[in-house]
PDB file of N, CA and C in Angstrom:
ATOM      1  N   MET A   1     -28.450   0.598 -14.237  1.00  0.00           N
ATOM      2  CA  MET A   1     -28.096  -0.255 -15.225  1.00  0.00           C
ATOM      3  C   MET A   1     -29.338  -1.221 -15.555  1.00  0.00           C
ATOM      4  N   SER A   2     -29.413  -0.939 -17.059  1.00  0.00           N
ATOM      5  CA  SER A   2     -30.352  -1.833 -17.604  1.00  0.00           C
ATOM      6  C   SER A   2     -30.295  -2.981 -17.801  1.00  0.00           C
ATOM      7  N   PHE A   3     -31.473  -3.863 -17.788  1.00  0.00           N
ATOM      8  CA  PHE A   3     -31.537  -5.263 -17.604  1.00  0.00           C
ATOM      9  C   PHE A   3     -31.021  -5.705 -18.788  1.00  0.00           C
ATOM     10  N   ASP A   4     -31.082  -5.249 -19.983  1.00  0.00           N
ATOM     11  CA  ASP A   4     -30.333  -6.125 -21.009  1.00  0.00           C
ATOM     12  C   ASP A   4     -28.652  -6.239 -20.976  1.00  0.00           C
ATOM     13  N   LYS A   5     -28.288  -5.409 -20.052  1.00  0.00           N
ATOM     14  CA  LYS A   5     -26.879  -5.523 -19.741  1.00  0.00           C
ATOM     15  C   LYS A   5     -26.555  -6.860 -18.909  1.00  0.00           C
ATOM     16  N   ILE A   6     -27.662  -7.170 -17.953  1.00  0.00           N
ATOM     17  CA  ILE A   6     -27.686  -8.153 -16.754  1.00  0.00           C
ATOM     18  C   ILE A   6     -27.848  -9.334 -17.133  1.00  0.00           C
ATOM     19  N   LEU A   7     -29.078  -9.529 -18.001  1.00  0.00           N
ATOM     20  CA  LEU A   7     -29.548 -10.633 -18.299  1.00  0.00           C
ATOM     21  C   LEU A   7     -29.110 -11.249 -19.591  1.00  0.00           C
ATOM     22  N   PRO A   8     -28.918 -12.608 -19.706  1.00  0.00           N
ATOM     23  CA  PRO A   8     -28.431 -13.258 -20.692  1.00  0.00           C
ATOM     24  C   PRO A   8     -29.470 -12.988 -22.123  1.00  0.00           C
ATOM     25  N   ASP A   9     -28.951 -13.196 -23.367  1.00  0.00           N
ATOM     26  CA  ASP A   9     -29.721 -12.985 -24.591  1.00  0.00           C
ATOM     27  C   ASP A   9     -30.868 -13.920 -24.623  1.00  0.00           C
ATOM     28  N   SER A  10     -30.669 -15.239 -24.081  1.00  0.00           N
ATOM     29  CA  SER A  10     -31.841 -16.082 -23.870  1.00  0.00           C
ATOM     30  C   SER A  10     -33.064 -15.471 -22.842  1.00  0.00           C
ATOM     31  N   PHE A  11     -32.916 -14.395 -22.241  1.00  0.00           N
ATOM     32  CA  PHE A  11     -33.891 -13.937 -21.161  1.00  0.00           C
ATOM     33  C   PHE A  11     -34.283 -12.472 -21.136  1.00  0.00           C
ATOM     34  N   THR A  12     -34.428 -11.706 -22.634  1.00  0.00           N
ATOM     35  CA  THR A  12     -34.452 -10.552 -22.526  1.00  0.00           C
ATOM     36  C   THR A  12     -36.024 -10.090 -23.031  1.00  0.00           C
ATOM     37  N   GLU A  13     -36.188  -8.844 -22.889  1.00  0.00           N
ATOM     38  CA  GLU A  13     -37.480  -8.268 -23.393  1.00  0.00           C
ATOM     39  C   GLU A  13     -37.558  -8.031 -24.655  1.00  0.00           C
ATOM     40  N   SER A  14     -38.484  -8.342 -25.428  1.00  0.00           N
ATOM     41  CA  SER A  14     -38.702  -8.541 -26.568  1.00  0.00           C
ATOM     42  C   SER A  14     -39.356  -7.291 -27.352  1.00  0.00           C
ATOM     43  N   SER A  15     -38.751  -6.582 -28.151  1.00  0.00           N
ATOM     44  CA  SER A  15     -39.349  -5.466 -29.058  1.00  0.00           C
ATOM     45  C   SER A  15     -40.058  -6.017 -30.462  1.00  0.00           C
ATOM     46  N   GLU A  16     -39.520  -7.179 -31.082  1.00  0.00           N
ATOM     47  CA  GLU A  16     -40.275  -7.569 -32.200  1.00  0.00           C
ATOM     48  C   GLU A  16     -40.057  -8.943 -32.312  1.00  0.00           C
ATOM     49  N   SER A  17     -40.891  -9.614 -32.583  1.00  0.00           N
ATOM     50  CA  SER A  17     -40.612 -11.207 -32.346  1.00  0.00           C
ATOM     51  C   SER A  17     -40.515 -11.501 -34.080  1.00  0.00           C
ATOM     52  N   ASP A  18     -39.788 -12.719 -34.249  1.00  0.00           N
ATOM     53  CA  ASP A  18     -39.461 -13.225 -35.611  1.00  0.00           C
ATOM     54  C   ASP A  18     -40.189 -14.286 -35.582  1.00  0.00           C
ATOM     55  N   PRO A  19     -41.521 -14.777 -36.250  1.00  0.00           N
ATOM     56  CA  PRO A  19     -41.991 -15.363 -36.617  1.00  0.00           C
ATOM     57  C   PRO A  19     -41.526 -16.729 -37.137  1.00  0.00           C
ATOM     58  N   ASN A  20     -40.410 -16.944 -37.605  1.00  0.00           N
ATOM     59  CA  ASN A  20     -39.468 -18.130 -37.712  1.00  0.00           C
ATOM     60  C   ASN A  20     -38.601 -18.645 -36.711  1.00  0.00           C
ATOM     61  N   GLU A  21     -38.751 -17.916 -35.376  1.00  0.00           N
ATOM     62  CA  GLU A  21     -37.932 -18.372 -34.434  1.00  0.00           C
ATOM     63  C   GLU A  21     -38.854 -19.204 -33.541  1.00  0.00           C
ATOM     64  N   ASP A  22     -38.422 -20.263 -32.662  1.00  0.00           N
ATOM     65  CA  ASP A  22     -39.158 -20.871 -31.785  1.00  0.00           C
ATOM     66  C   ASP A  22     -39.003 -20.110 -30.303  1.00  0.00           C
ATOM     67  N   GLU A  23     -40.028 -19.037 -30.178  1.00  0.00           N
ATOM     68  CA  GLU A  23     -39.956 -18.414 -29.121  1.00  0.00           C
ATOM     69  C   GLU A  23     -41.120 -18.715 -28.014  1.00  0.00           C
ATOM     70  N   SER A  24     -40.991 -18.582 -26.909  1.00  0.00           N
ATOM     71  CA  SER A  24     -42.045 -18.576 -25.944  1.00  0.00           C
ATOM     72  C   SER A  24     -42.079 -17.186 -25.054  1.00  0.00           C
ATOM     73  N   THR A  25     -43.207 -16.506 -24.849  1.00  0.00           N
ATOM     74  CA  THR A  25     -43.214 -15.280 -24.226  1.00  0.00           C
ATOM     75  C   THR A  25     -44.117 -15.340 -22.871  1.00  0.00           C
ATOM     76  N   LEU A  26     -43.737 -14.937 -21.844  1.00  0.00           N
ATOM     77  CA  LEU A  26     -44.178 -14.929 -20.279  1.00  0.00           C
ATOM     78  C   LEU A  26     -44.559 -13.130 -20.027  1.00  0.00           C
ATOM     79  N   TYR A  27     -45.713 -13.257 -19.722  1.00  0.00           N
ATOM     80  CA  TYR A  27     -46.001 -11.605 -19.089  1.00  0.00           C
ATOM     81  C   TYR A  27     -46.397 -12.124 -17.689  1.00  0.00           C
ATOM     82  N   GLU A  28     -45.716 -10.950 -16.743  1.00  0.00           N
ATOM     83  CA  GLU A  28     -45.708 -11.066 -15.398  1.00  0.00           C
ATOM     84  C   GLU A  28     -46.069  -9.971 -14.829  1.00  0.00           C
ATOM     85  N   CYS A  29     -46.871  -9.766 -13.726  1.00  0.00           N
ATOM     86  CA  CYS A  29     -47.178  -8.343 -12.864  1.00  0.00           C
ATOM     87  C   CYS A  29     -45.740  -8.221 -12.312  1.00  0.00           C
ATOM     88  N   ARG A  30     -45.355  -7.216 -12.130  1.00  0.00           N
ATOM     89  CA  ARG A  30     -44.387  -6.779 -11.402  1.00  0.00           C
ATOM     90  C   ARG A  30     -44.363  -6.205  -9.876  1.00  0.00           C
ATOM     91  N   GLN A  31     -45.807  -6.191  -9.628  1.00  0.00           N
ATOM     92  CA  GLN A  31     -46.017  -5.903  -8.321  1.00  0.00           C
ATOM     93  C   GLN A  31     -46.609  -7.137  -7.378  1.00  0.00           C
ATOM     94  N   CYS A  32     -47.160  -8.357  -8.145  1.00  0.00           N
ATOM     95  CA  CYS A  32     -47.550  -9.383  -7.334  1.00  0.00           C
ATOM     96  C   CYS A  32     -47.148 -10.968  -7.729  1.00  0.00           C
ATOM     97  N   GLY A  33     -46.509 -10.579  -9.120  1.00  0.00           N
ATOM     98  CA  GLY A  33     -45.871 -11.778  -9.853  1.00  0.00           C
ATOM     99  C   GLY A  33     -46.828 -12.627 -10.421  1.00  0.00           C
ATOM    100  N   THR A  34     -48.142 -12.325 -10.916  1.00  0.00           N
ATOM    101  CA  THR A  34     -49.072 -13.148 -11.571  1.00  0.00           C
ATOM    102  C   THR A  34     -48.783 -13.210 -12.859  1.00  0.00           C
ATOM    103  N   LYS A  35     -48.851 -14.497 -13.576  1.00  0.00           N
ATOM    104  CA  LYS A  35     -48.159 -14.576 -14.649  1.00  0.00           C
ATOM    105  C   LYS A  35     -49.397 -14.864 -15.598  1.00  0.00           C
ATOM    106  N   PHE A  36     -49.277 -14.419 -16.713  1.00  0.00           N
ATOM    107  CA  PHE A  36     -50.373 -14.497 -18.105  1.00  0.00           C
ATOM    108  C   PHE A  36     -49.570 -14.922 -19.370  1.00  0.00           C
ATOM    109  N   GLU A  37     -50.730 -15.544 -19.881  1.00  0.00           N
ATOM    110  CA  GLU A  37     -50.122 -16.353 -21.350  1.00  0.00           C
ATOM    111  C   GLU A  37     -50.114 -14.812 -22.510  1.00  0.00           C
ATOM    112  N   SER A  38     -51.382 -14.149 -22.271  1.00  0.00           N
ATOM    113  CA  SER A  38     -51.287 -12.815 -23.197  1.00  0.00           C
ATOM    114  C   SER A  38     -51.211 -11.722 -22.396  1.00  0.00           C
ATOM    115  N   LYS A  39     -50.902 -10.653 -22.941  1.00  0.00           N
ATOM    116  CA  LYS A  39     -50.533  -9.250 -22.243  1.00  0.00           C
ATOM    117  C   LYS A  39     -51.737  -8.695 -21.913  1.00  0.00           C
ATOM    118  N   PRO A  40     -51.994  -8.474 -20.581  1.00  0.00           N
ATOM    119  CA  PRO A  40     -53.372  -7.892 -19.952  1.00  0.00           C
ATOM    120  C   PRO A  40     -52.912  -6.269 -20.319  1.00  0.00           C
ATOM    121  N   GLU A  41     -53.962  -5.586 -20.139  1.00  0.00           N
ATOM    122  CA  GLU A  41     -53.949  -3.937 -19.786  1.00  0.00           C
ATOM    123  C   GLU A  41     -53.635  -3.830 -18.340  1.00  0.00           C
ATOM    124  N   GLN A  42     -54.093  -4.594 -17.591  1.00  0.00           N
ATOM    125  CA  GLN A  42     -53.854  -4.516 -15.967  1.00  0.00           C
ATOM    126  C   GLN A  42     -53.910  -5.876 -15.336  1.00  0.00           C
ATOM    127  N   CYS A  43     -53.141  -6.323 -14.298  1.00  0.00           N
ATOM    128  CA  CYS A  43     -52.997  -7.337 -13.532  1.00  0.00           C
ATOM    129  C   CYS A  43     -54.521  -7.783 -12.870  1.00  0.00           C
ATOM    130  N   SER A  44     -54.921  -8.928 -13.165  1.00  0.00           N
ATOM    131  CA  SER A  44     -56.417  -8.909 -12.596  1.00  0.00           C
ATOM    132  C   SER A  44     -56.427  -9.426 -10.908  1.00  0.00           C
ATOM    133  N   VAL A  45     -55.406  -9.404 -10.752  1.00  0.00           N
ATOM    134  CA  VAL A  45     -55.184  -9.599  -9.143  1.00  0.00           C
ATOM    135  C   VAL A  45     -55.184  -8.342  -8.596  1.00  0.00           C
ATOM    136  N   CYS A  46     -54.043  -7.631  -8.766  1.00  0.00           N
ATOM    137  CA  CYS A  46     -53.646  -6.370  -7.920  1.00  0.00           C
ATOM    138  C   CYS A  46     -54.025  -5.161  -8.655  1.00  0.00           C
ATOM    139  N   GLU A  47     -54.490  -5.326  -9.761  1.00  0.00           N
ATOM    140  CA  GLU A  47     -54.819  -3.882 -10.919  1.00  0.00           C
ATOM    141  C   GLU A  47     -53.764  -3.202 -11.206  1.00  0.00           C
ATOM    142  N   SER A  48     -52.473  -3.664 -10.845  1.00  0.00           N
ATOM    143  CA  SER A  48     -51.325  -3.020 -11.323  1.00  0.00           C
ATOM    144  C   SER A  48     -51.240  -2.954 -12.990  1.00  0.00           C
ATOM    145  N   GLU A  49     -50.636  -1.706 -13.353  1.00  0.00           N
ATOM    146  CA  GLU A  49     -50.431  -1.789 -14.922  1.00  0.00           C
ATOM    147  C   GLU A  49     -49.140  -2.005 -15.445  1.00  0.00           C
ATOM    148  N   GLU A  50     -48.390  -2.580 -14.377  1.00  0.00           N
ATOM    149  CA  GLU A  50     -46.886  -2.844 -14.820  1.00  0.00           C
ATOM    150  C   GLU A  50     -46.644  -4.204 -14.987  1.00  0.00           C
ATOM    151  N   ILE A  51     -46.605  -4.435 -16.221  1.00  0.00           N
ATOM    152  CA  ILE A  51     -46.734  -5.907 -16.734  1.00  0.00           C
ATOM    153  C   ILE A  51     -45.615  -5.952 -17.404  1.00  0.00           C
ATOM    154  N   ALA A  52     -44.453  -7.000 -16.930  1.00  0.00           N
ATOM    155  CA  ALA A  52     -43.283  -7.381 -17.808  1.00  0.00           C
ATOM    156  C   ALA A  52     -43.532  -8.181 -18.585  1.00  0.00           C
ATOM    157  N   THR A  53     -42.678  -8.348 -19.871  1.00  0.00           N
ATOM    158  CA  THR A  53     -42.707  -9.128 -20.997  1.00  0.00           C
ATOM    159  C   THR A  53     -41.391  -9.846 -21.065  1.00  0.00           C
ATOM    160  N   TYR A  54     -41.230 -11.229 -20.833  1.00  0.00           N
ATOM    161  CA  TYR A  54     -39.930 -11.993 -21.216  1.00  0.00           C
ATOM    162  C   TYR A  54     -40.024 -12.772 -22.163  1.00  0.00           C
ATOM    163  N   THR A  55     -39.059 -12.741 -23.133  1.00  0.00           N
ATOM    164  CA  THR A  55     -39.214 -13.780 -24.173  1.00  0.00           C
ATOM    165  C   THR A  55     -38.083 -14.788 -24.265  1.00  0.00           C
ATOM    166  N   PHE A  56     -38.409 -16.103 -24.294  1.00  0.00           N
ATOM    167  CA  PHE A  56     -37.339 -17.026 -24.061  1.00  0.00           C
ATOM    168  C   PHE A  56     -36.822 -17.758 -25.556  1.00  0.00           C
ATOM    169  N   LYS A  57     -35.900 -17.567 -26.050  1.00  0.00           N
ATOM    170  CA  LYS A  57     -35.304 -17.963 -27.128  1.00  0.00           C
ATOM    171  C   LYS A  57     -34.784 -19.421 -26.751  1.00  0.00           C
ATOM    172  N   PRO A  58     -34.869 -20.526 -27.542  1.00  0.00           N
ATOM    173  CA  PRO A  58     -34.028 -21.559 -27.420  1.00  0.00           C
ATOM    174  C   PRO A  58     -32.381 -21.593 -27.726  1.00  0.00           C
ATOM    175  N   ASP A  59     -31.914 -22.157 -27.025  1.00  0.00           N
ATOM    176  CA  ASP A  59     -30.499 -22.364 -26.902  1.00  0.00           C
ATOM    177  C   ASP A  59     -30.093 -22.929 -28.112  1.00  0.00           C
ATOM    178  N   PRO A  60     -29.015 -22.257 -28.965  1.00  0.00           N
ATOM    179  CA  PRO A  60     -28.807 -22.997 -30.340  1.00  0.00           C
ATOM    180  C   PRO A  60     -27.792 -24.149 -29.954  1.00  0.00           C
ATOM    181  N   LYS A  61     -27.166 -23.828 -28.839  1.00  0.00           N
ATOM    182  CA  LYS A  61     -26.158 -25.044 -28.674  1.00  0.00           C
ATOM    183  C   LYS A  61     -26.933 -26.408 -28.328  1.00  0.00           C
ATOM    184  N   GLU A  62     -28.341 -26.350 -27.734  1.00  0.00           N
ATOM    185  CA  GLU A  62     -29.042 -27.507 -27.667  1.00  0.00           C
ATOM    186  C   GLU A  62     -29.707 -27.971 -28.790  1.00  0.00           C
ATOM    187  N   GLU A  63     -29.360 -28.944 -29.143  1.00  0.00           N
ATOM    188  CA  GLU A  63     -30.340 -29.648 -30.221  1.00  0.00           C
ATOM    189  C   GLU A  63     -31.578 -30.490 -29.490  1.00  0.00           C
ATOM    190  N   ALA A  64     -32.588 -30.506 -30.181  1.00  0.00           N
ATOM    191  CA  ALA A  64     -33.681 -31.291 -29.921  1.00  0.00           C
ATOM    192  C   ALA A  64     -33.299 -32.819 -30.039  1.00  0.00           C
ATOM    193  N   PRO A  65     -33.760 -33.548 -29.286  1.00  0.00           N
ATOM    194  CA  PRO A  65     -33.583 -35.149 -29.394  1.00  0.00           C
ATOM    195  C   PRO A  65     -34.157 -35.837 -30.373  1.00  0.00           C
ATOM    196  N   ASN A  66     -33.598 -36.358 -31.135  1.00  0.00           N
ATOM    197  CA  ASN A  66     -34.371 -37.011 -32.277  1.00  0.00           C
ATOM    198  C   ASN A  66     -35.094 -38.235 -31.963  1.00  0.00           C
ATOM    199  N   PRO A  67     -36.399 -38.363 -31.576  1.00  0.00           N
ATOM    200  CA  PRO A  67     -37.032 -39.667 -31.057  1.00  0.00           C
ATOM    201  C   PRO A  67     -36.676 -41.098 -31.947  1.00  0.00           C
ATOM    202  N   GLU A  68     -36.396 -40.865 -32.878  1.00  0.00           N
ATOM    203  CA  GLU A  68     -36.075 -42.273 -33.943  1.00  0.00           C
ATOM    204  C   GLU A  68     -34.701 -42.873 -33.090  1.00  0.00           C
ATOM    205  N   GLU A  69     -33.882 -41.914 -32.934  1.00  0.00           N
ATOM    206  CA  GLU A  69     -32.255 -42.586 -32.329  1.00  0.00           C
ATOM    207  C   GLU A  69     -32.662 -43.213 -30.826  1.00  0.00           C
ATOM    208  N   SER A  70     -33.607 -42.735 -30.215  1.00  0.00           N
ATOM    209  CA  SER A  70     -33.881 -43.301 -28.840  1.00  0.00           C
ATOM    210  C   SER A  70     -34.865 -44.258 -29.057  1.00  0.00           C
ATOM    211  N   ASP A  71     -35.489 -44.999 -29.889  1.00  0.00           N
ATOM    212  CA  ASP A  71     -36.298 -46.098 -30.259  1.00  0.00           C
ATOM    213  C   ASP A  71     -35.341 -47.199 -30.468  1.00  0.00           C
ATOM    214  N   ASN A  72     -34.035 -46.686 -31.184  1.00  0.00           N
ATOM    215  CA  ASN A  72     -33.465 -47.792 -31.772  1.00  0.00           C
ATOM    216  C   ASN A  72     -32.299 -48.442 -30.563  1.00  0.00           C
ATOM    217  N   GLN A  73     -32.320 -47.953 -29.725  1.00  0.00           N
ATOM    218  CA  GLN A  73     -31.453 -48.592 -28.315  1.00  0.00           C
ATOM    219  C   GLN A  73     -32.246 -49.567 -27.796  1.00  0.00           C
TER     220      GLN A  73
END
């Protein structure tokens, strides 16, 4: 069974990124779990070339708090 059937939409592997969306991406070695900010050719810890890519999308149901509203209380 593929991961896209198991994982929710907010936690799926990204094939293309839309520059208009507020996404964050995590790269992680599948062998040792080391995390990276950009995708390496291989893990600097265990030298594995199996690097997973996870893209996190904001939940459209959650709205960012308005800082002006919290100041008025």
